[in-house]
Amino acid sequence: MAAESIASLVDGLFKDGKWQEENAEALRKRPRAVKELRVALLRHEDPNVREGCAELLGEFENTAVVPELIAALRDRSPHVRYDALLALE
């Protein structure tokens, strides 16, 4: 898993409808993942991945992600909006 790109890890946060903790854990260990998570939060086609991105961005506690989290409060998925709100707390 260590050799996987950050983009692959983000895309694989949900597989067959299930959260992939291995991918999430690998992303948590990579501070550079914040950039890819920010983009995926707003643009990824899968709402489950967007939801996971919001959750992970909240764990990084990086104030630079606040604009994306605020934008995610308008996401069409209520789950994304909820996790974005929690991440902003």
N, C-alpha and C. Protein backbone atom coordinates (compact mmCIF):
# COMPACT_ATOMS: atom_id res chain seq x y z
N MET A 1 0.83 -1.20 0.00
CA MET A 1 0.00 0.00 0.00
C MET A 1 0.86 1.25 0.00
N ALA A 2 2.03 1.23 0.58
CA ALA A 2 2.87 2.42 0.69
C ALA A 2 3.24 3.01 -0.66
N ALA A 3 3.31 2.16 -1.67
CA ALA A 3 3.72 2.63 -2.99
C ALA A 3 2.57 3.28 -3.76
N GLU A 4 1.35 3.16 -3.26
CA GLU A 4 0.21 3.72 -3.97
C GLU A 4 0.24 5.24 -3.94
N SER A 5 -0.24 5.83 -5.02
CA SER A 5 -0.29 7.28 -5.09
C SER A 5 -1.40 7.80 -4.18
N ILE A 6 -1.27 9.04 -3.82
CA ILE A 6 -2.30 9.67 -2.99
C ILE A 6 -3.64 9.66 -3.71
N ALA A 7 -3.63 9.93 -5.01
CA ALA A 7 -4.88 9.93 -5.78
C ALA A 7 -5.55 8.55 -5.75
N SER A 8 -4.76 7.49 -5.86
CA SER A 8 -5.31 6.13 -5.81
C SER A 8 -5.91 5.84 -4.45
N LEU A 9 -5.24 6.31 -3.41
CA LEU A 9 -5.76 6.10 -2.05
C LEU A 9 -7.07 6.83 -1.86
N VAL A 10 -7.15 8.05 -2.37
CA VAL A 10 -8.39 8.83 -2.25
C VAL A 10 -9.50 8.13 -3.03
N ASP A 11 -9.23 7.75 -4.27
CA ASP A 11 -10.24 7.07 -5.09
C ASP A 11 -10.71 5.78 -4.44
N GLY A 12 -9.85 5.13 -3.68
CA GLY A 12 -10.18 3.87 -3.06
C GLY A 12 -10.70 3.96 -1.64
N LEU A 13 -11.09 5.15 -1.19
CA LEU A 13 -11.61 5.27 0.17
C LEU A 13 -12.87 4.43 0.38
N PHE A 14 -13.66 4.28 -0.67
CA PHE A 14 -14.84 3.43 -0.62
C PHE A 14 -14.75 2.42 -1.75
N LYS A 15 -14.94 1.17 -1.40
CA LYS A 15 -14.90 0.11 -2.40
C LYS A 15 -16.06 -0.83 -2.10
N ASP A 16 -16.84 -1.12 -3.11
CA ASP A 16 -18.01 -1.98 -2.94
C ASP A 16 -18.91 -1.47 -1.81
N GLY A 17 -19.02 -0.15 -1.72
CA GLY A 17 -19.89 0.46 -0.73
C GLY A 17 -19.38 0.45 0.69
N LYS A 18 -18.11 0.11 0.88
CA LYS A 18 -17.57 0.03 2.24
C LYS A 18 -16.35 0.93 2.40
N TRP A 19 -16.26 1.53 3.56
CA TRP A 19 -15.12 2.37 3.94
C TRP A 19 -13.86 1.51 3.99
N GLN A 20 -12.80 1.99 3.37
CA GLN A 20 -11.54 1.27 3.34
C GLN A 20 -10.57 1.91 4.32
N GLU A 21 -10.56 1.41 5.54
CA GLU A 21 -9.75 1.99 6.61
C GLU A 21 -8.26 1.97 6.26
N GLU A 22 -7.81 0.97 5.53
CA GLU A 22 -6.39 0.92 5.14
C GLU A 22 -6.01 2.15 4.32
N ASN A 23 -6.86 2.52 3.39
CA ASN A 23 -6.60 3.71 2.59
C ASN A 23 -6.64 4.97 3.45
N ALA A 24 -7.64 5.05 4.31
CA ALA A 24 -7.76 6.22 5.19
C ALA A 24 -6.53 6.36 6.07
N GLU A 25 -6.07 5.25 6.63
CA GLU A 25 -4.90 5.29 7.51
C GLU A 25 -3.65 5.72 6.74
N ALA A 26 -3.51 5.23 5.53
CA ALA A 26 -2.36 5.63 4.71
C ALA A 26 -2.40 7.12 4.41
N LEU A 27 -3.60 7.66 4.17
CA LEU A 27 -3.73 9.10 3.90
C LEU A 27 -3.45 9.92 5.15
N ARG A 28 -3.86 9.43 6.30
CA ARG A 28 -3.59 10.15 7.56
C ARG A 28 -2.10 10.32 7.80
N LYS A 29 -1.32 9.39 7.31
CA LYS A 29 0.13 9.42 7.52
C LYS A 29 0.86 10.29 6.49
N ARG A 30 0.11 10.87 5.57
CA ARG A 30 0.72 11.67 4.51
C ARG A 30 0.16 13.09 4.52
N PRO A 31 0.85 13.99 5.19
CA PRO A 31 0.36 15.37 5.23
C PRO A 31 0.16 15.98 3.84
N ARG A 32 0.93 15.50 2.86
CA ARG A 32 0.77 16.02 1.50
C ARG A 32 -0.57 15.60 0.89
N ALA A 33 -1.27 14.68 1.53
CA ALA A 33 -2.57 14.23 1.03
C ALA A 33 -3.62 15.32 1.12
N VAL A 34 -3.39 16.33 1.95
CA VAL A 34 -4.38 17.39 2.14
C VAL A 34 -4.76 18.02 0.81
N LYS A 35 -3.79 18.28 -0.04
CA LYS A 35 -4.08 18.92 -1.33
C LYS A 35 -5.04 18.07 -2.16
N GLU A 36 -4.76 16.79 -2.28
CA GLU A 36 -5.62 15.90 -3.07
C GLU A 36 -7.00 15.73 -2.42
N LEU A 37 -7.04 15.67 -1.10
CA LEU A 37 -8.32 15.56 -0.40
C LEU A 37 -9.17 16.81 -0.61
N ARG A 38 -8.54 17.97 -0.64
CA ARG A 38 -9.27 19.23 -0.86
C ARG A 38 -9.94 19.22 -2.23
N VAL A 39 -9.21 18.78 -3.23
CA VAL A 39 -9.76 18.74 -4.60
C VAL A 39 -10.87 17.70 -4.68
N ALA A 40 -10.63 16.51 -4.14
CA ALA A 40 -11.62 15.44 -4.21
C ALA A 40 -12.89 15.79 -3.45
N LEU A 41 -12.77 16.52 -2.35
CA LEU A 41 -13.94 16.92 -1.57
C LEU A 41 -14.93 17.68 -2.44
N LEU A 42 -14.44 18.50 -3.33
CA LEU A 42 -15.32 19.33 -4.15
C LEU A 42 -15.63 18.73 -5.52
N ARG A 43 -14.80 17.81 -6.00
CA ARG A 43 -14.94 17.37 -7.39
C ARG A 43 -15.17 15.89 -7.62
N HIS A 44 -14.92 15.05 -6.63
CA HIS A 44 -15.03 13.61 -6.87
C HIS A 44 -16.48 13.25 -7.18
N GLU A 45 -16.67 12.34 -8.10
CA GLU A 45 -18.03 11.96 -8.51
C GLU A 45 -18.76 11.13 -7.47
N ASP A 46 -18.03 10.41 -6.63
CA ASP A 46 -18.65 9.53 -5.63
C ASP A 46 -18.88 10.29 -4.33
N PRO A 47 -20.14 10.43 -3.91
CA PRO A 47 -20.41 11.16 -2.67
C PRO A 47 -19.79 10.48 -1.45
N ASN A 48 -19.62 9.16 -1.48
CA ASN A 48 -18.98 8.48 -0.36
C ASN A 48 -17.52 8.91 -0.22
N VAL A 49 -16.86 9.08 -1.34
CA VAL A 49 -15.47 9.55 -1.31
C VAL A 49 -15.42 10.99 -0.82
N ARG A 50 -16.34 11.82 -1.30
CA ARG A 50 -16.38 13.22 -0.82
C ARG A 50 -16.62 13.27 0.69
N GLU A 51 -17.51 12.41 1.16
CA GLU A 51 -17.78 12.34 2.60
C GLU A 51 -16.52 11.95 3.37
N GLY A 52 -15.81 10.95 2.88
CA GLY A 52 -14.57 10.52 3.52
C GLY A 52 -13.51 11.59 3.50
N CYS A 53 -13.45 12.34 2.42
CA CYS A 53 -12.48 13.44 2.33
C CYS A 53 -12.77 14.50 3.38
N ALA A 54 -14.05 14.82 3.58
CA ALA A 54 -14.42 15.80 4.60
C ALA A 54 -13.98 15.32 5.98
N GLU A 55 -14.24 14.06 6.26
CA GLU A 55 -13.86 13.50 7.56
C GLU A 55 -12.34 13.57 7.76
N LEU A 56 -11.60 13.13 6.77
CA LEU A 56 -10.15 13.11 6.90
C LEU A 56 -9.57 14.52 6.99
N LEU A 57 -10.12 15.45 6.23
CA LEU A 57 -9.62 16.83 6.30
C LEU A 57 -9.82 17.40 7.70
N GLY A 58 -10.91 17.05 8.33
CA GLY A 58 -11.14 17.49 9.71
C GLY A 58 -10.12 16.94 10.67
N GLU A 59 -9.65 15.74 10.41
CA GLU A 59 -8.64 15.13 11.27
C GLU A 59 -7.28 15.81 11.16
N PHE A 60 -6.99 16.39 10.00
CA PHE A 60 -5.71 17.07 9.82
C PHE A 60 -5.64 18.38 10.60
N GLU A 61 -6.79 18.95 10.95
CA GLU A 61 -6.85 20.20 11.71
C GLU A 61 -5.99 21.29 11.07
N ASN A 62 -6.16 21.45 9.77
CA ASN A 62 -5.41 22.43 8.99
C ASN A 62 -6.39 23.53 8.57
N THR A 63 -6.16 24.74 9.04
CA THR A 63 -7.09 25.83 8.74
C THR A 63 -7.14 26.20 7.26
N ALA A 64 -6.16 25.77 6.50
CA ALA A 64 -6.16 26.06 5.07
C ALA A 64 -7.30 25.36 4.33
N VAL A 65 -7.89 24.34 4.94
CA VAL A 65 -8.96 23.59 4.27
C VAL A 65 -10.35 24.15 4.56
N VAL A 66 -10.43 25.16 5.39
CA VAL A 66 -11.73 25.73 5.78
C VAL A 66 -12.55 26.17 4.57
N PRO A 67 -12.00 26.85 3.56
CA PRO A 67 -12.83 27.24 2.42
C PRO A 67 -13.48 26.06 1.70
N GLU A 68 -12.76 24.97 1.53
CA GLU A 68 -13.34 23.80 0.88
C GLU A 68 -14.42 23.15 1.75
N LEU A 69 -14.18 23.11 3.05
CA LEU A 69 -15.19 22.54 3.94
C LEU A 69 -16.45 23.39 3.95
N ILE A 70 -16.30 24.69 3.91
CA ILE A 70 -17.47 25.57 3.84
C ILE A 70 -18.21 25.35 2.53
N ALA A 71 -17.47 25.23 1.44
CA ALA A 71 -18.10 24.97 0.14
C ALA A 71 -18.84 23.63 0.15
N ALA A 72 -18.29 22.65 0.86
CA ALA A 72 -18.91 21.33 0.92
C ALA A 72 -20.23 21.35 1.70
N LEU A 73 -20.47 22.40 2.46
CA LEU A 73 -21.76 22.52 3.16
C LEU A 73 -22.91 22.67 2.18
N ARG A 74 -22.60 22.95 0.92
CA ARG A 74 -23.62 23.07 -0.13
C ARG A 74 -23.66 21.84 -1.04
N ASP A 75 -22.94 20.78 -0.67
CA ASP A 75 -22.90 19.56 -1.47
C ASP A 75 -24.31 18.98 -1.59
N ARG A 76 -24.56 18.31 -2.69
CA ARG A 76 -25.89 17.72 -2.89
C ARG A 76 -26.15 16.52 -1.95
N SER A 77 -25.09 15.94 -1.39
CA SER A 77 -25.24 14.81 -0.47
C SER A 77 -25.32 15.31 0.97
N PRO A 78 -26.37 14.91 1.68
CA PRO A 78 -26.47 15.33 3.09
C PRO A 78 -25.34 14.74 3.94
N HIS A 79 -24.81 13.60 3.55
CA HIS A 79 -23.72 12.98 4.31
C HIS A 79 -22.44 13.79 4.18
N VAL A 80 -22.20 14.33 2.99
CA VAL A 80 -21.02 15.18 2.79
C VAL A 80 -21.18 16.46 3.60
N ARG A 81 -22.37 17.04 3.54
CA ARG A 81 -22.62 18.27 4.29
C ARG A 81 -22.41 18.04 5.78
N TYR A 82 -22.91 16.93 6.30
CA TYR A 82 -22.79 16.62 7.71
C TYR A 82 -21.32 16.46 8.13
N ASP A 83 -20.56 15.69 7.35
CA ASP A 83 -19.15 15.48 7.70
C ASP A 83 -18.34 16.76 7.54
N ALA A 84 -18.70 17.60 6.59
CA ALA A 84 -18.02 18.89 6.45
C ALA A 84 -18.29 19.75 7.68
N LEU A 85 -19.51 19.73 8.15
CA LEU A 85 -19.87 20.50 9.34
C LEU A 85 -19.07 19.99 10.56
N LEU A 86 -19.01 18.69 10.72
CA LEU A 86 -18.25 18.13 11.84
C LEU A 86 -16.77 18.49 11.73
N ALA A 87 -16.26 18.49 10.52
CA ALA A 87 -14.84 18.81 10.31
C ALA A 87 -14.54 20.26 10.67
N LEU A 88 -15.52 21.12 10.54
CA LEU A 88 -15.33 22.54 10.86
C LEU A 88 -15.38 22.82 12.35
N GLU A 89 -15.89 21.90 13.14
CA GLU A 89 -16.01 22.12 14.58
C GLU A 89 -14.66 22.20 15.25
